Amino acid sequence: MLSDMMLDGILTPGDIDPLNRRRRIGHKRSTTSMIAFLSENEIVKQKILNLGFNSETIDELNSVKIMQAKELSKDTMNNLGKMINYN
C-alpha cells in the first residue's frame, strides 16, 4: 500500500523519511564520545588524576549548575511556562 502511494506520487521519500536517513546508508560515521568527570571532593579528584584523567570539583565550577535529571526537567518546564506566558 505504501509503495503504491509512492508510485502514484501521493507520497515522496521525504514524507516517509524527513530526516533523510536513507542518504546515510553505507556511509561510515565517526563519533567521538565525550565524558566530563566531576569529583565529589579533592581526594576523589586526586584518585581520578592518578588514573590519568582530569576532573574538577563542584566548588571549582563557577558557571555550571549541577542538577538531577528530575530537577532539570522541572526547571525546564517552569522556564518554558514563563516564556509562553510572555507571548
Protein backbone atom coordinates (compact mmCIF):
# COMPACT_ATOMS: atom_id res chain seq x y z
CA MET A 1 0.00 0.00 0.00
CA LEU A 2 2.81 2.40 0.89
CA SER A 3 4.69 1.60 -2.31
CA ASP A 4 1.52 2.16 -4.33
CA MET A 5 1.13 5.60 -2.80
CA MET A 6 4.73 6.40 -3.73
CA LEU A 7 4.26 5.12 -7.28
CA ASP A 8 1.10 7.21 -7.63
CA GLY A 9 3.01 10.31 -6.46
CA ILE A 10 0.95 10.75 -3.31
CA LEU A 11 3.96 10.19 -1.06
CA THR A 12 7.60 11.12 -1.58
CA PRO A 13 10.64 9.58 0.13
CA GLY A 14 10.87 12.80 2.16
CA ASP A 15 7.38 12.20 3.55
CA ILE A 16 8.43 8.84 4.91
CA ASP A 17 11.99 9.80 5.90
CA PRO A 18 12.01 13.53 6.82
CA LEU A 19 15.48 13.25 8.44
CA ASN A 20 16.99 11.89 5.20
CA ARG A 21 18.47 8.89 6.96
CA ARG A 22 18.20 6.93 3.72
CA ARG A 23 21.00 9.05 2.27
CA ARG A 24 23.41 7.94 5.00
CA ILE A 25 23.15 4.21 4.28
CA GLY A 26 26.63 2.81 3.70
CA HIS A 27 28.42 5.91 4.96
CA LYS A 28 30.84 5.45 7.82
CA ARG A 29 30.10 7.69 10.73
CA SER A 30 32.80 8.88 13.02
CA THR A 31 31.54 9.51 16.50
CA THR A 32 33.51 10.73 19.45
CA SER A 33 32.21 10.16 22.94
CA MET A 34 32.98 12.91 25.41
CA ILE A 35 32.80 12.42 29.14
CA ALA A 36 33.26 15.02 31.84
CA PHE A 37 34.43 13.90 35.27
CA LEU A 38 33.11 15.71 38.30
CA SER A 39 34.82 14.82 41.55
CA GLU A 40 32.97 14.82 44.83
CA ASN A 41 35.99 16.18 46.70
CA GLU A 42 39.77 16.71 46.42
CA ILE A 43 40.54 13.11 47.46
CA VAL A 44 38.44 11.69 44.63
CA LYS A 45 39.90 14.29 42.27
CA GLN A 46 43.42 13.09 43.09
CA LYS A 47 42.44 9.43 42.58
CA ILE A 48 40.99 10.25 39.16
CA LEU A 49 44.12 12.25 38.29
CA ASN A 50 46.29 9.27 39.29
CA LEU A 51 44.34 7.23 36.71
CA GLY A 52 45.26 9.80 34.06
CA PHE A 53 42.03 11.78 33.84
CA ASN A 54 41.41 15.43 34.70
CA SER A 55 38.38 16.37 36.75
CA GLU A 56 37.01 19.27 38.72
CA THR A 57 35.16 19.53 41.99
CA ILE A 58 31.78 21.23 42.31
CA ASP A 59 33.47 24.13 44.13
CA GLU A 60 35.73 24.74 41.12
CA LEU A 61 32.80 25.15 38.75
CA ASN A 62 31.57 28.73 38.61
CA SER A 63 29.27 28.94 35.62
CA VAL A 64 27.79 25.44 35.65
CA LYS A 65 24.74 24.44 37.62
CA ILE A 66 24.61 20.76 38.59
CA MET A 67 21.09 19.32 38.76
CA GLN A 68 19.50 15.91 38.99
CA ALA A 69 17.51 14.93 35.87
CA LYS A 70 14.21 15.35 37.73
CA GLU A 71 15.17 18.85 38.88
CA LEU A 72 16.37 19.79 35.40
CA SER A 73 13.10 18.67 33.85
CA LYS A 74 11.04 20.62 36.40
CA ASP A 75 13.20 23.74 35.96
CA THR A 76 12.95 23.49 32.18
CA MET A 77 9.17 23.17 32.27
CA ASN A 78 8.88 26.13 34.64
CA ASN A 79 11.01 28.31 32.36
CA LEU A 80 9.08 27.15 29.31
CA GLY A 81 5.83 28.09 31.06
CA LYS A 82 7.20 31.55 31.82
CA MET A 83 8.17 32.04 28.17
CA ILE A 84 4.70 31.01 26.96
CA ASN A 85 3.04 33.44 29.37
CA TYR A 86 5.13 36.32 27.95
CA ASN A 87 3.81 35.76 24.42
